[in-house]
Amino acid sequence: MPEALVRAHLQRYSRGRTPDFSHDRHQLISVSSGALAISSRDARWIVPTGHAAWIPARTRCSLEPAGATQATVLYIKPEVVRWMEPACQVLAIPAFLAAIVEHMVGIEWLPSDRSGRRLAGVLADQIATAGRVDLRLPSPRHARTMQVSELLMADPSDTPSLDALGHELSVSARTLARHFVADTGLTLGQWRLQFRLTHALTLVASGRAVKDVAFEVGYESPSAFVAAFKRALGTTPGKLFRRI
């Protein structure tokens, strides 16, 4: 039997974070319900319904579902997709790519013969051209910025100023701002907004009401939260997670 270029299976995730892992193949994890958090040493990505995680080969990470989550996992030989970024990505799944993923589940594996290579080429093109969605939250690595992120995550609805945070940590606001950008690539305000969005995604995916989530993550109203959600993902929480 020829070696498979791509293998596929359905996966249901229960609560709890997986141990860290890595594979010799690329992974495309297409989420059909719920949401997955992908965590590596440097960042965390949230992958909601209708999107997929791209995890390059030999990337060490862990997975954590937000409530009951179902996905299709494709294991792809590195030779099939050579030109993707060497980092995890969240991809929007267009209809044609979704159809290919569904077909792959039906056949379970793609042989390395001529017909298999043709379909693998189409799959690679679709993955490479799929829209990227910015649902990456950089993980601070230095002690001072880690302290800041922990304070912000402890109460997402709170909006302490740089001056207040600097006073809490006995450092000037200017120094704190400079260190935070150097460590994460984002300003403190940008990081806080990204954390609120990604945290809100996991809460909504786990079944929480949009109204409750909006206030919990610090938005002034549910409509403000829905507007921010739509700017980021092009749809509303209710439509994304198929709830009214």
C-alpha atoms as a PDB file:
ATOM      1  CA  MET A   1       0.000   0.000   0.000  1.00  0.00           C
ATOM      2  CA  PRO A   2       1.461   3.412  -0.945  1.00  0.00           C
ATOM      3  CA  GLU A   3       2.155   5.854   1.869  1.00  0.00           C
ATOM      4  CA  ALA A   4      -0.692   8.268   2.544  1.00  0.00           C
ATOM      5  CA  LEU A   5      -0.131  11.894   1.600  1.00  0.00           C
ATOM      6  CA  VAL A   6      -2.998  12.928   3.885  1.00  0.00           C
ATOM      7  CA  ARG A   7      -4.867  11.106   6.627  1.00  0.00           C
ATOM      8  CA  ALA A   8      -8.152  12.328   8.113  1.00  0.00           C
ATOM      9  CA  HIS A   9     -10.484  11.512  10.979  1.00  0.00           C
ATOM     10  CA  LEU A  10     -13.252  13.073  13.028  1.00  0.00           C
ATOM     11  CA  GLN A  11     -12.337  14.082  16.558  1.00  0.00           C
ATOM     12  CA  ARG A  12     -14.538  14.970  19.526  1.00  0.00           C
ATOM     13  CA  TYR A  13     -12.840  16.907  22.286  1.00  0.00           C
ATOM     14  CA  SER A  14     -13.964  16.816  25.887  1.00  0.00           C
ATOM     15  CA  ARG A  15     -13.066  19.323  28.564  1.00  0.00           C
ATOM     16  CA  GLY A  16      -9.499  19.671  29.696  1.00  0.00           C
ATOM     17  CA  ARG A  17      -6.197  20.592  28.137  1.00  0.00           C
ATOM     18  CA  THR A  18      -4.210  17.941  26.298  1.00  0.00           C
ATOM     19  CA  PRO A  19      -0.559  17.288  27.104  1.00  0.00           C
ATOM     20  CA  ASP A  20       1.903  19.083  24.830  1.00  0.00           C
ATOM     21  CA  PHE A  21       2.524  17.235  21.556  1.00  0.00           C
ATOM     22  CA  SER A  22       4.095  17.601  18.136  1.00  0.00           C
ATOM     23  CA  HIS A  23       3.831  15.658  14.870  1.00  0.00           C
ATOM     24  CA  ASP A  24       6.089  15.007  11.905  1.00  0.00           C
ATOM     25  CA  ARG A  25       3.174  16.053   9.672  1.00  0.00           C
ATOM     26  CA  HIS A  26       1.339  19.337   9.327  1.00  0.00           C
ATOM     27  CA  GLN A  27      -2.104  19.380  10.926  1.00  0.00           C
ATOM     28  CA  LEU A  28      -5.232  21.108   9.675  1.00  0.00           C
ATOM     29  CA  ILE A  29      -7.904  20.987  12.388  1.00  0.00           C
ATOM     30  CA  SER A  30     -11.243  22.147  10.968  1.00  0.00           C
ATOM     31  CA  VAL A  31     -13.724  22.960  13.762  1.00  0.00           C
ATOM     32  CA  SER A  32     -17.362  22.151  12.987  1.00  0.00           C
ATOM     33  CA  SER A  33     -18.799  22.942  16.443  1.00  0.00           C
ATOM     34  CA  GLY A  34     -17.487  24.601  19.571  1.00  0.00           C
ATOM     35  CA  ALA A  35     -14.010  26.132  19.675  1.00  0.00           C
ATOM     36  CA  LEU A  36     -10.427  25.047  20.302  1.00  0.00           C
ATOM     37  CA  ALA A  37      -7.589  26.875  21.999  1.00  0.00           C
ATOM     38  CA  ILE A  38      -4.142  26.093  20.570  1.00  0.00           C
ATOM     39  CA  SER A  39      -1.354  26.966  23.002  1.00  0.00           C
ATOM     40  CA  SER A  40       2.364  27.051  22.286  1.00  0.00           C
ATOM     41  CA  ARG A  41       5.288  28.549  24.156  1.00  0.00           C
ATOM     42  CA  ASP A  42       4.841  31.935  22.491  1.00  0.00           C
ATOM     43  CA  ALA A  43       1.109  32.421  21.933  1.00  0.00           C
ATOM     44  CA  ARG A  44      -2.435  31.149  22.150  1.00  0.00           C
ATOM     45  CA  TRP A  45      -4.869  30.924  19.233  1.00  0.00           C
ATOM     46  CA  ILE A  46      -8.640  30.504  19.435  1.00  0.00           C
ATOM     47  CA  VAL A  47     -10.241  28.514  16.601  1.00  0.00           C
ATOM     48  CA  PRO A  48     -14.045  28.908  16.504  1.00  0.00           C
ATOM     49  CA  THR A  49     -16.686  27.033  14.518  1.00  0.00           C
ATOM     50  CA  GLY A  50     -16.228  27.379  10.758  1.00  0.00           C
ATOM     51  CA  HIS A  51     -12.483  27.968  11.064  1.00  0.00           C
ATOM     52  CA  ALA A  52      -9.402  25.785  11.142  1.00  0.00           C
ATOM     53  CA  ALA A  53      -6.100  25.651  12.956  1.00  0.00           C
ATOM     54  CA  TRP A  54      -2.998  25.254  10.820  1.00  0.00           C
ATOM     55  CA  ILE A  55      -0.268  23.633  12.947  1.00  0.00           C
ATOM     56  CA  PRO A  56       3.044  23.186  11.122  1.00  0.00           C
ATOM     57  CA  ALA A  57       4.967  19.938  11.480  1.00  0.00           C
ATOM     58  CA  ARG A  58       7.146  19.661  14.586  1.00  0.00           C
ATOM     59  CA  THR A  59       5.314  22.510  16.346  1.00  0.00           C
ATOM     60  CA  ARG A  60       4.967  21.750  20.032  1.00  0.00           C
ATOM     61  CA  CYS A  61       1.570  22.790  21.384  1.00  0.00           C
ATOM     62  CA  SER A  62      -1.508  21.690  23.324  1.00  0.00           C
ATOM     63  CA  LEU A  63      -5.247  21.795  22.647  1.00  0.00           C
ATOM     64  CA  GLU A  64      -8.104  22.807  24.918  1.00  0.00           C
ATOM     65  CA  PRO A  65     -11.773  22.743  23.860  1.00  0.00           C
ATOM     66  CA  ALA A  66     -14.354  25.312  24.910  1.00  0.00           C
ATOM     67  CA  GLY A  67     -17.225  23.026  25.817  1.00  0.00           C
ATOM     68  CA  ALA A  68     -18.196  20.136  23.533  1.00  0.00           C
ATOM     69  CA  THR A  69     -16.136  20.575  20.377  1.00  0.00           C
ATOM     70  CA  GLN A  70     -16.011  18.536  17.180  1.00  0.00           C
ATOM     71  CA  ALA A  71     -13.428  18.849  14.443  1.00  0.00           C
ATOM     72  CA  THR A  72     -11.916  17.106  11.450  1.00  0.00           C
ATOM     73  CA  VAL A  73      -8.169  16.541  11.741  1.00  0.00           C
ATOM     74  CA  LEU A  74      -6.011  16.216   8.640  1.00  0.00           C
ATOM     75  CA  TYR A  75      -2.416  14.995   8.937  1.00  0.00           C
ATOM     76  CA  ILE A  76      -0.555  16.248   5.873  1.00  0.00           C
ATOM     77  CA  LYS A  77       2.911  15.232   4.717  1.00  0.00           C
ATOM     78  CA  PRO A  78       5.199  18.293   4.654  1.00  0.00           C
ATOM     79  CA  GLU A  79       5.948  17.778   0.961  1.00  0.00           C
ATOM     80  CA  VAL A  80       2.279  18.479   0.143  1.00  0.00           C
ATOM     81  CA  VAL A  81       2.230  22.024   1.574  1.00  0.00           C
ATOM     82  CA  ARG A  82       5.631  23.699   1.390  1.00  0.00           C
ATOM     83  CA  TRP A  83       4.850  27.413   1.273  1.00  0.00           C
ATOM     84  CA  MET A  84       2.823  28.103   4.422  1.00  0.00           C
ATOM     85  CA  GLU A  85       4.134  30.317   7.193  1.00  0.00           C
ATOM     86  CA  PRO A  86       6.196  28.319   9.748  1.00  0.00           C
ATOM     87  CA  ALA A  87       3.808  29.225  12.559  1.00  0.00           C
ATOM     88  CA  CYS A  88       0.305  28.357  13.707  1.00  0.00           C
ATOM     89  CA  GLN A  89      -2.513  30.175  11.930  1.00  0.00           C
ATOM     90  CA  VAL A  90      -6.289  30.460  12.218  1.00  0.00           C
ATOM     91  CA  LEU A  91      -7.879  30.041   8.785  1.00  0.00           C
ATOM     92  CA  ALA A  92     -11.359  30.885   7.542  1.00  0.00           C
ATOM     93  CA  ILE A  93     -12.720  27.834   5.732  1.00  0.00           C
ATOM     94  CA  PRO A  94     -14.299  28.592   2.323  1.00  0.00           C
ATOM     95  CA  ALA A  95     -16.933  26.237   0.952  1.00  0.00           C
ATOM     96  CA  PHE A  96     -14.597  24.455  -1.491  1.00  0.00           C
ATOM     97  CA  LEU A  97     -12.013  23.703   1.204  1.00  0.00           C
ATOM     98  CA  ALA A  98     -14.800  22.529   3.535  1.00  0.00           C
ATOM     99  CA  ALA A  99     -15.966  20.133   0.796  1.00  0.00           C
ATOM    100  CA  ILE A 100     -12.446  18.745   0.376  1.00  0.00           C
ATOM    101  CA  VAL A 101     -12.126  18.230   4.130  1.00  0.00           C
ATOM    102  CA  GLU A 102     -15.474  16.425   4.215  1.00  0.00           C
ATOM    103  CA  HIS A 103     -14.386  14.252   1.286  1.00  0.00           C
ATOM    104  CA  MET A 104     -11.163  13.403   3.100  1.00  0.00           C
ATOM    105  CA  VAL A 105     -13.119  12.154   6.105  1.00  0.00           C
ATOM    106  CA  GLY A 106     -15.072   9.858   3.791  1.00  0.00           C
ATOM    107  CA  ILE A 107     -11.983   8.295   2.217  1.00  0.00           C
ATOM    108  CA  GLU A 108      -9.827   8.565   5.392  1.00  0.00           C
ATOM    109  CA  TRP A 109      -6.503   8.660   3.548  1.00  0.00           C
ATOM    110  CA  LEU A 110      -5.070   9.979   0.302  1.00  0.00           C
ATOM    111  CA  PRO A 111      -2.580   7.703  -1.510  1.00  0.00           C
ATOM    112  CA  SER A 112       0.585   9.016  -3.135  1.00  0.00           C
ATOM    113  CA  ASP A 113      -0.468   7.912  -6.624  1.00  0.00           C
ATOM    114  CA  ARG A 114      -1.252  10.285  -9.497  1.00  0.00           C
ATOM    115  CA  SER A 115      -4.870  10.956  -8.555  1.00  0.00           C
ATOM    116  CA  GLY A 116      -3.951  11.381  -4.901  1.00  0.00           C
ATOM    117  CA  ARG A 117      -1.277  13.932  -5.761  1.00  0.00           C
ATOM    118  CA  ARG A 118      -3.736  15.894  -7.885  1.00  0.00           C
ATOM    119  CA  LEU A 119      -6.210  16.188  -5.021  1.00  0.00           C
ATOM    120  CA  ALA A 120      -3.378  16.927  -2.592  1.00  0.00           C
ATOM    121  CA  GLY A 121      -2.327  19.807  -4.862  1.00  0.00           C
ATOM    122  CA  VAL A 122      -5.836  21.267  -4.816  1.00  0.00           C
ATOM    123  CA  LEU A 123      -5.962  20.895  -1.024  1.00  0.00           C
ATOM    124  CA  ALA A 124      -2.604  22.663  -0.692  1.00  0.00           C
ATOM    125  CA  ASP A 125      -3.749  25.541  -2.916  1.00  0.00           C
ATOM    126  CA  GLN A 126      -6.941  25.967  -0.904  1.00  0.00           C
ATOM    127  CA  ILE A 127      -5.053  25.998   2.395  1.00  0.00           C
ATOM    128  CA  ALA A 128      -2.479  28.475   1.109  1.00  0.00           C
ATOM    129  CA  THR A 129      -5.125  30.921  -0.165  1.00  0.00           C
ATOM    130  CA  ALA A 130      -7.589  30.611   2.759  1.00  0.00           C
ATOM    131  CA  GLY A 131      -8.157  33.839   4.657  1.00  0.00           C
ATOM    132  CA  ARG A 132      -6.168  34.359   7.842  1.00  0.00           C
ATOM    133  CA  VAL A 133      -8.063  35.484  10.933  1.00  0.00           C
ATOM    134  CA  ASP A 134      -6.146  37.308  13.653  1.00  0.00           C
ATOM    135  CA  LEU A 135      -7.088  35.325  16.749  1.00  0.00           C
ATOM    136  CA  ARG A 136      -3.557  35.062  18.127  1.00  0.00           C
ATOM    137  CA  LEU A 137      -2.806  36.248  21.644  1.00  0.00           C
ATOM    138  CA  PRO A 138       0.951  36.598  22.273  1.00  0.00           C
ATOM    139  CA  SER A 139       2.156  35.131  25.565  1.00  0.00           C
ATOM    140  CA  PRO A 140       4.360  37.458  27.616  1.00  0.00           C
ATOM    141  CA  ARG A 141       7.613  35.797  28.587  1.00  0.00           C
ATOM    142  CA  HIS A 142       9.298  38.291  30.897  1.00  0.00           C
ATOM    143  CA  ALA A 143       8.390  38.606  34.565  1.00  0.00           C
ATOM    144  CA  ARG A 144       7.085  42.180  34.477  1.00  0.00           C
ATOM    145  CA  THR A 145       4.854  41.752  31.413  1.00  0.00           C
ATOM    146  CA  MET A 146       3.643  38.400  32.723  1.00  0.00           C
ATOM    147  CA  GLN A 147       2.534  40.161  35.898  1.00  0.00           C
ATOM    148  CA  VAL A 148       0.618  42.715  33.795  1.00  0.00           C
ATOM    149  CA  SER A 149      -1.108  40.050  31.715  1.00  0.00           C
ATOM    150  CA  GLU A 150      -2.079  38.116  34.844  1.00  0.00           C
ATOM    151  CA  LEU A 151      -3.649  41.249  36.332  1.00  0.00           C
ATOM    152  CA  LEU A 152      -5.633  41.876  33.137  1.00  0.00           C
ATOM    153  CA  MET A 153      -6.763  38.261  32.810  1.00  0.00           C
ATOM    154  CA  ALA A 154      -7.849  38.077  36.456  1.00  0.00           C
ATOM    155  CA  ASP A 155     -10.686  40.516  35.726  1.00  0.00           C
ATOM    156  CA  PRO A 156     -11.341  41.054  31.989  1.00  0.00           C
ATOM    157  CA  SER A 157     -13.991  43.675  32.739  1.00  0.00           C
ATOM    158  CA  ASP A 158     -11.534  45.918  34.570  1.00  0.00           C
ATOM    159  CA  THR A 159      -9.738  48.655  32.626  1.00  0.00           C
ATOM    160  CA  PRO A 160      -6.796  49.809  34.748  1.00  0.00           C
ATOM    161  CA  SER A 161      -4.703  52.575  33.213  1.00  0.00           C
ATOM    162  CA  LEU A 162      -1.001  52.279  32.500  1.00  0.00           C
ATOM    163  CA  ASP A 163      -0.376  54.583  35.423  1.00  0.00           C
ATOM    164  CA  ALA A 164      -2.399  52.354  37.753  1.00  0.00           C
ATOM    165  CA  LEU A 165      -0.652  49.208  36.535  1.00  0.00           C
ATOM    166  CA  GLY A 166       2.735  50.887  36.822  1.00  0.00           C
ATOM    167  CA  HIS A 167       1.957  51.930  40.376  1.00  0.00           C
ATOM    168  CA  GLU A 168       0.895  48.355  41.191  1.00  0.00           C
ATOM    169  CA  LEU A 169       4.229  47.046  39.877  1.00  0.00           C
ATOM    170  CA  SER A 170       6.396  49.962  41.085  1.00  0.00           C
ATOM    171  CA  VAL A 171       7.455  51.025  37.590  1.00  0.00           C
ATOM    172  CA  SER A 172       6.702  54.057  35.439  1.00  0.00           C
ATOM    173  CA  ALA A 173       3.892  53.884  32.882  1.00  0.00           C
ATOM    174  CA  ARG A 174       6.348  54.717  30.079  1.00  0.00           C
ATOM    175  CA  THR A 175       8.724  51.916  31.043  1.00  0.00           C
ATOM    176  CA  LEU A 176       5.861  49.468  31.394  1.00  0.00           C
ATOM    177  CA  ALA A 177       4.476  50.378  27.966  1.00  0.00           C
ATOM    178  CA  ARG A 178       7.899  49.992  26.344  1.00  0.00           C
ATOM    179  CA  HIS A 179       8.526  46.611  27.946  1.00  0.00           C
ATOM    180  CA  PHE A 180       5.088  45.307  26.989  1.00  0.00           C
ATOM    181  CA  VAL A 181       5.525  46.165  23.287  1.00  0.00           C
ATOM    182  CA  ALA A 182       9.046  44.717  23.242  1.00  0.00           C
ATOM    183  CA  ASP A 183       7.828  41.455  24.781  1.00  0.00           C
ATOM    184  CA  THR A 184       4.556  40.885  22.924  1.00  0.00           C
ATOM    185  CA  GLY A 185       4.673  43.059  19.796  1.00  0.00           C
ATOM    186  CA  LEU A 186       1.421  44.728  20.901  1.00  0.00           C
ATOM    187  CA  THR A 187       0.636  47.759  22.979  1.00  0.00           C
ATOM    188  CA  LEU A 188      -1.014  47.023  26.286  1.00  0.00           C
ATOM    189  CA  GLY A 189      -4.329  48.313  24.908  1.00  0.00           C
ATOM    190  CA  GLN A 190      -4.087  46.122  21.802  1.00  0.00           C
ATOM    191  CA  TRP A 191      -3.228  43.068  23.905  1.00  0.00           C
ATOM    192  CA  ARG A 192      -6.147  43.726  26.246  1.00  0.00           C
ATOM    193  CA  LEU A 193      -8.601  43.986  23.326  1.00  0.00           C
ATOM    194  CA  GLN A 194      -7.234  40.782  21.782  1.00  0.00           C
ATOM    195  CA  PHE A 195      -7.483  38.963  25.098  1.00  0.00           C
ATOM    196  CA  ARG A 196     -11.071  40.095  25.565  1.00  0.00           C
ATOM    197  CA  LEU A 197     -12.043  38.916  22.085  1.00  0.00           C
ATOM    198  CA  THR A 198     -10.363  35.512  22.361  1.00  0.00           C
ATOM    199  CA  HIS A 199     -11.644  34.963  25.893  1.00  0.00           C
ATOM    200  CA  ALA A 200     -15.158  35.946  24.819  1.00  0.00           C
ATOM    201  CA  LEU A 201     -15.000  33.417  21.980  1.00  0.00           C
ATOM    202  CA  THR A 202     -14.309  30.579  24.389  1.00  0.00           C
ATOM    203  CA  LEU A 203     -17.133  31.692  26.695  1.00  0.00           C
ATOM    204  CA  VAL A 204     -19.722  31.934  23.903  1.00  0.00           C
ATOM    205  CA  ALA A 205     -18.577  28.622  22.415  1.00  0.00           C
ATOM    206  CA  SER A 206     -19.038  26.941  25.802  1.00  0.00           C
ATOM    207  CA  GLY A 207     -22.685  28.027  25.914  1.00  0.00           C
ATOM    208  CA  ARG A 208     -22.674  31.324  27.775  1.00  0.00           C
ATOM    209  CA  ALA A 209     -25.246  33.949  26.748  1.00  0.00           C
ATOM    210  CA  VAL A 210     -23.845  36.750  24.581  1.00  0.00           C
ATOM    211  CA  LYS A 211     -25.263  39.407  26.927  1.00  0.00           C
ATOM    212  CA  ASP A 212     -23.491  37.921  29.940  1.00  0.00           C
ATOM    213  CA  VAL A 213     -20.226  37.478  28.057  1.00  0.00           C
ATOM    214  CA  ALA A 214     -20.270  41.084  26.827  1.00  0.00           C
ATOM    215  CA  PHE A 215     -20.320  42.487  30.360  1.00  0.00           C
ATOM    216  CA  GLU A 216     -17.934  39.860  31.739  1.00  0.00           C
ATOM    217  CA  VAL A 217     -15.176  40.798  29.277  1.00  0.00           C
ATOM    218  CA  GLY A 218     -15.597  44.533  29.753  1.00  0.00           C
ATOM    219  CA  TYR A 219     -17.822  45.812  26.932  1.00  0.00           C
ATOM    220  CA  GLU A 220     -20.229  48.624  27.799  1.00  0.00           C
ATOM    221  CA  SER A 221     -23.144  46.852  26.114  1.00  0.00           C
ATOM    222  CA  PRO A 222     -23.955  43.638  24.239  1.00  0.00           C
ATOM    223  CA  SER A 223     -24.281  45.645  21.006  1.00  0.00           C
ATOM    224  CA  ALA A 224     -20.736  47.005  21.427  1.00  0.00           C
ATOM    225  CA  PHE A 225     -19.457  43.455  21.915  1.00  0.00           C
ATOM    226  CA  VAL A 226     -21.355  42.126  18.881  1.00  0.00           C
ATOM    227  CA  ALA A 227     -19.984  44.979  16.750  1.00  0.00           C
ATOM    228  CA  ALA A 228     -16.401  44.223  17.824  1.00  0.00           C
ATOM    229  CA  PHE A 229     -16.991  40.503  17.234  1.00  0.00           C
ATOM    230  CA  LYS A 230     -18.335  41.177  13.740  1.00  0.00           C
ATOM    231  CA  ARG A 231     -15.367  43.395  12.856  1.00  0.00           C
ATOM    232  CA  ALA A 232     -13.003  40.588  13.794  1.00  0.00           C
ATOM    233  CA  LEU A 233     -14.873  37.601  12.352  1.00  0.00           C
ATOM    234  CA  GLY A 234     -17.305  39.024   9.809  1.00  0.00           C
ATOM    235  CA  THR A 235     -20.370  37.615  11.552  1.00  0.00           C
ATOM    236  CA  THR A 236     -22.220  37.757  14.861  1.00  0.00           C
ATOM    237  CA  PRO A 237     -21.734  35.327  17.762  1.00  0.00           C
ATOM    238  CA  GLY A 238     -25.232  33.897  17.292  1.00  0.00           C
ATOM    239  CA  LYS A 239     -24.682  33.149  13.611  1.00  0.00           C
ATOM    240  CA  LEU A 240     -21.198  31.758  14.130  1.00  0.00           C
ATOM    241  CA  PHE A 241     -22.270  29.310  16.789  1.00  0.00           C
ATOM    242  CA  ARG A 242     -25.705  28.666  15.224  1.00  0.00           C
ATOM    243  CA  ARG A 243     -27.676  30.011  18.132  1.00  0.00           C
ATOM    244  CA  ILE A 244     -30.474  32.576  18.133  1.00  0.00           C
END
